[in-house]
N, C-alpha and C. Protein backbone atom coordinates (compact mmCIF):
# COMPACT_ATOMS: atom_id res chain seq x y z
N LYS A 1 -62.88 -88.25 28.77
CA LYS A 1 -64.19 -87.19 29.25
C LYS A 1 -65.13 -87.57 28.35
N GLU A 2 -66.24 -87.94 28.54
CA GLU A 2 -67.29 -88.12 27.46
C GLU A 2 -67.91 -86.83 27.16
N VAL A 3 -68.02 -86.69 25.69
CA VAL A 3 -68.57 -85.28 25.29
C VAL A 3 -69.91 -85.59 25.06
N PRO A 4 -70.99 -84.89 25.77
CA PRO A 4 -72.51 -85.05 25.44
C PRO A 4 -72.81 -84.63 23.85
N GLY A 5 -73.82 -86.07 23.16
CA GLY A 5 -74.04 -85.63 21.99
C GLY A 5 -73.04 -86.25 20.95
N SER A 6 -72.28 -86.67 21.53
CA SER A 6 -71.14 -87.13 20.49
C SER A 6 -71.26 -88.34 20.11
N ALA A 7 -72.10 -89.45 20.43
CA ALA A 7 -72.28 -90.95 20.49
C ALA A 7 -72.84 -90.93 19.02
N PHE A 8 -72.51 -91.96 18.36
CA PHE A 8 -73.38 -92.09 16.87
C PHE A 8 -72.88 -93.68 16.45
N GLU A 9 -73.84 -94.37 15.77
CA GLU A 9 -73.73 -95.93 15.23
C GLU A 9 -73.22 -95.46 13.70
N ILE A 10 -72.57 -96.43 13.59
CA ILE A 10 -72.22 -96.35 11.81
C ILE A 10 -72.58 -98.06 11.54
N PRO A 11 -73.49 -98.16 10.60
CA PRO A 11 -73.63 -99.79 10.02
C PRO A 11 -72.22 -100.38 9.66
N ALA A 12 -71.95 -101.49 10.03
CA ALA A 12 -70.70 -102.13 9.31
C ALA A 12 -71.09 -103.46 8.91
N ASP A 13 -70.30 -104.27 8.50
CA ASP A 13 -70.12 -105.59 7.99
C ASP A 13 -69.21 -106.34 8.66
N ILE A 14 -68.03 -105.39 9.58
CA ILE A 14 -67.11 -105.94 10.22
C ILE A 14 -66.53 -104.96 10.85
N VAL A 15 -66.16 -105.26 11.92
CA VAL A 15 -65.66 -104.14 13.12
C VAL A 15 -64.18 -104.75 13.68
N PHE A 16 -63.11 -103.94 13.68
CA PHE A 16 -61.76 -104.29 14.12
C PHE A 16 -61.51 -103.44 15.40
N ILE A 17 -61.56 -103.82 16.55
CA ILE A 17 -61.03 -103.34 17.63
C ILE A 17 -59.74 -103.41 18.48
N SER A 18 -59.10 -102.28 18.80
CA SER A 18 -57.85 -102.12 19.12
C SER A 18 -57.79 -102.11 20.53
N ALA A 19 -57.20 -103.11 20.86
CA ALA A 19 -57.61 -103.20 22.69
C ALA A 19 -56.35 -102.86 23.58
N GLY A 20 -55.17 -102.20 23.03
CA GLY A 20 -54.17 -101.41 23.49
C GLY A 20 -53.27 -102.64 23.99
N PHE A 21 -52.15 -102.10 24.82
CA PHE A 21 -51.11 -102.88 25.37
C PHE A 21 -51.38 -104.37 25.85
N LEU A 22 -52.48 -103.96 27.35
CA LEU A 22 -52.67 -105.02 28.17
C LEU A 22 -53.41 -105.84 27.46
N HIS A 23 -53.99 -106.86 28.40
CA HIS A 23 -54.78 -107.94 27.63
C HIS A 23 -56.15 -107.50 27.49
N VAL A 24 -56.95 -108.04 26.56
CA VAL A 24 -58.17 -107.45 26.35
C VAL A 24 -59.35 -107.15 27.42
N ASN A 25 -59.98 -106.05 27.19
CA ASN A 25 -60.94 -105.80 28.13
C ASN A 25 -62.07 -106.71 27.87
N LYS A 26 -62.45 -107.53 28.89
CA LYS A 26 -63.42 -108.71 28.72
C LYS A 26 -64.99 -108.01 28.73
N LYS A 27 -65.07 -106.78 29.25
CA LYS A 27 -66.31 -105.94 29.13
C LYS A 27 -66.80 -105.79 27.97
N GLY A 28 -67.77 -105.95 27.16
CA GLY A 28 -68.32 -105.08 26.26
C GLY A 28 -68.25 -106.70 25.18
N PRO A 29 -67.88 -106.33 23.69
CA PRO A 29 -68.09 -107.24 22.77
C PRO A 29 -67.41 -108.60 23.25
N VAL A 30 -66.29 -108.76 23.75
CA VAL A 30 -65.68 -110.00 24.03
C VAL A 30 -66.57 -110.78 25.35
N GLU A 31 -67.11 -110.44 26.25
CA GLU A 31 -68.22 -111.05 27.21
C GLU A 31 -69.31 -111.18 26.38
N ASP A 32 -69.90 -110.03 25.77
CA ASP A 32 -71.28 -110.09 24.89
C ASP A 32 -71.17 -111.46 23.86
N LEU A 33 -70.28 -111.55 23.27
CA LEU A 33 -70.19 -112.55 22.20
C LEU A 33 -69.81 -113.86 23.16
N GLY A 34 -69.50 -113.90 24.31
CA GLY A 34 -68.87 -115.18 25.17
C GLY A 34 -67.96 -116.06 24.39
N LEU A 35 -66.92 -114.93 23.94
CA LEU A 35 -65.61 -115.63 23.39
C LEU A 35 -64.72 -116.35 24.63
N LYS A 36 -64.28 -117.49 24.10
CA LYS A 36 -63.20 -118.20 25.14
C LYS A 36 -61.76 -117.53 25.22
N LEU A 37 -61.45 -117.54 26.34
CA LEU A 37 -60.34 -116.77 26.72
C LEU A 37 -59.29 -117.68 27.45
N ASN A 38 -58.11 -117.89 27.33
CA ASN A 38 -56.84 -118.65 28.02
C ASN A 38 -56.81 -118.05 29.54
N ALA A 39 -55.72 -118.89 30.15
CA ALA A 39 -55.69 -118.53 31.57
C ALA A 39 -55.55 -117.10 31.55
N ASN A 40 -54.76 -116.25 30.91
CA ASN A 40 -54.23 -115.17 30.88
C ASN A 40 -54.93 -113.90 30.33
N GLY A 41 -55.94 -114.38 30.07
CA GLY A 41 -57.46 -113.69 29.72
C GLY A 41 -57.20 -113.18 28.18
N ASN A 42 -56.29 -113.62 27.34
CA ASN A 42 -56.30 -113.48 25.71
C ASN A 42 -57.29 -114.20 25.17
N ILE A 43 -57.70 -113.99 24.31
CA ILE A 43 -58.72 -114.59 23.53
C ILE A 43 -58.11 -116.08 22.68
N ILE A 44 -58.71 -116.84 22.80
CA ILE A 44 -58.31 -118.11 22.08
C ILE A 44 -58.84 -118.29 20.69
N VAL A 45 -57.43 -118.22 19.97
CA VAL A 45 -57.92 -117.93 18.30
C VAL A 45 -57.49 -119.61 17.93
N ASP A 46 -57.81 -119.82 16.85
CA ASP A 46 -57.00 -120.90 15.90
C ASP A 46 -55.95 -120.19 14.84
N GLU A 47 -55.56 -121.38 14.03
CA GLU A 47 -54.34 -121.14 13.18
C GLU A 47 -54.76 -120.01 12.23
N ASN A 48 -56.23 -119.89 11.88
CA ASN A 48 -56.58 -118.67 11.12
C ASN A 48 -57.01 -117.50 11.81
N PHE A 49 -56.58 -117.36 13.41
CA PHE A 49 -57.10 -116.19 13.94
C PHE A 49 -58.56 -115.92 14.35
N MET A 50 -59.24 -117.20 14.00
CA MET A 50 -60.64 -117.43 14.35
C MET A 50 -60.87 -117.53 15.82
N SER A 51 -61.76 -116.71 16.41
CA SER A 51 -62.05 -117.20 18.25
C SER A 51 -62.82 -118.27 18.16
N SER A 52 -63.44 -118.30 19.03
CA SER A 52 -64.46 -119.48 19.40
C SER A 52 -65.69 -119.28 18.70
N MET A 53 -66.15 -118.17 18.20
CA MET A 53 -67.19 -118.03 17.76
C MET A 53 -67.10 -118.02 16.02
N ASP A 54 -67.58 -118.36 15.21
CA ASP A 54 -67.55 -118.37 13.83
C ASP A 54 -67.39 -117.09 13.36
N GLY A 55 -66.56 -116.51 12.80
CA GLY A 55 -66.56 -115.00 11.98
C GLY A 55 -66.07 -114.26 12.65
N VAL A 56 -65.63 -114.48 13.83
CA VAL A 56 -65.09 -113.38 14.83
C VAL A 56 -63.59 -113.92 15.07
N PHE A 57 -62.68 -112.84 14.62
CA PHE A 57 -61.36 -112.90 14.73
C PHE A 57 -60.74 -112.13 15.43
N ALA A 58 -59.27 -112.17 15.98
CA ALA A 58 -58.57 -111.80 17.34
C ALA A 58 -57.13 -111.52 16.83
N GLY A 59 -56.39 -110.56 16.88
CA GLY A 59 -55.00 -110.82 16.95
C GLY A 59 -54.40 -109.85 17.68
N GLY A 60 -52.99 -109.86 17.80
CA GLY A 60 -51.86 -108.87 18.82
C GLY A 60 -52.74 -109.32 20.20
N GLU A 61 -52.19 -107.90 20.65
CA GLU A 61 -52.38 -108.37 22.22
C GLU A 61 -53.92 -108.98 22.97
N ALA A 62 -54.78 -109.04 21.72
CA ALA A 62 -56.24 -109.68 22.40
C ALA A 62 -56.21 -111.15 22.18
N ALA A 63 -54.88 -111.72 21.47
CA ALA A 63 -55.04 -113.17 21.13
C ALA A 63 -53.42 -113.91 21.57
N ASP A 64 -52.54 -112.61 21.58
CA ASP A 64 -51.22 -113.20 21.94
C ASP A 64 -50.82 -113.48 23.14
N PRO A 65 -50.62 -114.75 23.90
CA PRO A 65 -50.13 -114.99 25.19
C PRO A 65 -48.97 -114.62 25.65
N HIS A 66 -47.93 -114.41 24.47
CA HIS A 66 -46.33 -114.33 24.76
C HIS A 66 -45.59 -113.06 24.50
N PHE A 67 -46.02 -112.50 23.25
CA PHE A 67 -45.12 -111.22 23.27
C PHE A 67 -45.50 -109.86 23.62
N LEU A 68 -46.52 -109.32 23.45
CA LEU A 68 -47.06 -108.35 23.78
C LEU A 68 -46.06 -107.11 23.12
N GLN A 69 -46.03 -107.12 21.80
CA GLN A 69 -45.21 -105.86 21.46
C GLN A 69 -45.86 -105.70 20.09
N VAL A 70 -45.39 -104.44 19.54
CA VAL A 70 -46.04 -103.58 18.54
C VAL A 70 -45.94 -104.45 17.37
N PHE A 71 -44.84 -104.94 17.06
CA PHE A 71 -44.46 -105.75 15.83
C PHE A 71 -44.92 -107.24 15.62
N THR A 72 -45.31 -108.25 16.73
CA THR A 72 -46.06 -109.31 16.57
C THR A 72 -47.60 -108.79 16.61
N SER A 73 -47.94 -107.71 17.37
CA SER A 73 -49.42 -107.29 17.25
C SER A 73 -49.69 -107.00 15.77
N ALA A 74 -49.06 -106.32 15.22
CA ALA A 74 -49.00 -105.59 13.61
C ALA A 74 -49.28 -106.77 12.66
N GLY A 75 -48.29 -107.69 12.70
CA GLY A 75 -48.34 -108.98 11.83
C GLY A 75 -49.79 -109.84 12.02
N MET A 76 -49.91 -110.20 13.43
CA MET A 76 -51.27 -110.85 13.96
C MET A 76 -52.31 -110.19 13.42
N GLY A 77 -52.48 -108.82 13.66
CA GLY A 77 -53.67 -107.83 13.24
C GLY A 77 -53.97 -108.15 11.42
N ALA A 78 -52.86 -107.86 10.82
CA ALA A 78 -52.92 -108.36 9.26
C ALA A 78 -53.11 -109.31 9.14
N GLY A 79 -52.56 -110.59 9.71
CA GLY A 79 -53.06 -111.85 9.74
C GLY A 79 -54.78 -111.92 9.64
N ALA A 80 -55.05 -111.69 10.74
CA ALA A 80 -56.55 -111.64 11.37
C ALA A 80 -57.27 -111.09 10.23
N ALA A 81 -57.01 -109.73 9.62
CA ALA A 81 -57.82 -108.81 8.77
C ALA A 81 -57.62 -110.16 7.38
N ILE A 82 -56.72 -110.37 7.04
CA ILE A 82 -56.76 -111.05 5.66
C ILE A 82 -57.66 -112.54 6.19
N GLN A 83 -57.43 -112.89 7.18
CA GLN A 83 -58.47 -114.35 7.10
C GLN A 83 -60.02 -113.80 7.25
N ALA A 84 -60.48 -112.71 7.96
CA ALA A 84 -61.54 -111.99 8.08
C ALA A 84 -62.05 -111.79 6.57
N ARG A 85 -61.27 -111.02 5.83
CA ARG A 85 -61.59 -110.91 4.65
C ARG A 85 -61.85 -112.44 3.69
N ASP A 86 -61.12 -113.32 3.76
CA ASP A 86 -61.46 -114.28 3.03
C ASP A 86 -62.71 -115.46 3.59
N PHE A 87 -63.08 -115.03 4.65
CA PHE A 87 -63.88 -115.21 5.64
C PHE A 87 -65.25 -114.93 4.99
N LEU A 88 -65.51 -113.66 4.68
CA LEU A 88 -66.52 -113.17 4.40
C LEU A 88 -66.58 -113.24 2.74
N GLU A 89 -65.63 -113.26 1.92
CA GLU A 89 -65.60 -113.44 0.43
C GLU A 89 -66.26 -114.78 0.55
N SER A 90 -66.09 -115.96 1.39
CA SER A 90 -66.40 -117.33 0.96
C SER A 90 -67.76 -117.68 1.57
N ASN A 91 -68.36 -116.75 2.21
CA ASN A 91 -69.87 -116.59 2.79
C ASN A 91 -70.61 -115.38 2.32
N ASN A 92 -70.30 -115.03 1.36
CA ASN A 92 -71.28 -114.23 0.46
C ASN A 92 -72.22 -114.71 -0.78
């Protein structure tokens, strides 16, 4: 339930979204950014976890069409975070 007056904005250089157990919610950032999805609704990523948009990374259930389990998601999330950090460092 939404709490009136609880919305706020935080300036950020990078944002990580936890999408949960089911496939990624296509409404919001995924749709707004026009990220490419596979037939199952997962964000398509390359070997560095980068999506179809330069500088946008995904991992876990958002990008994994096979396992949908916490251990592989944690590993993919860590990999995506490392790749995002490297991307930011190389583009500053």
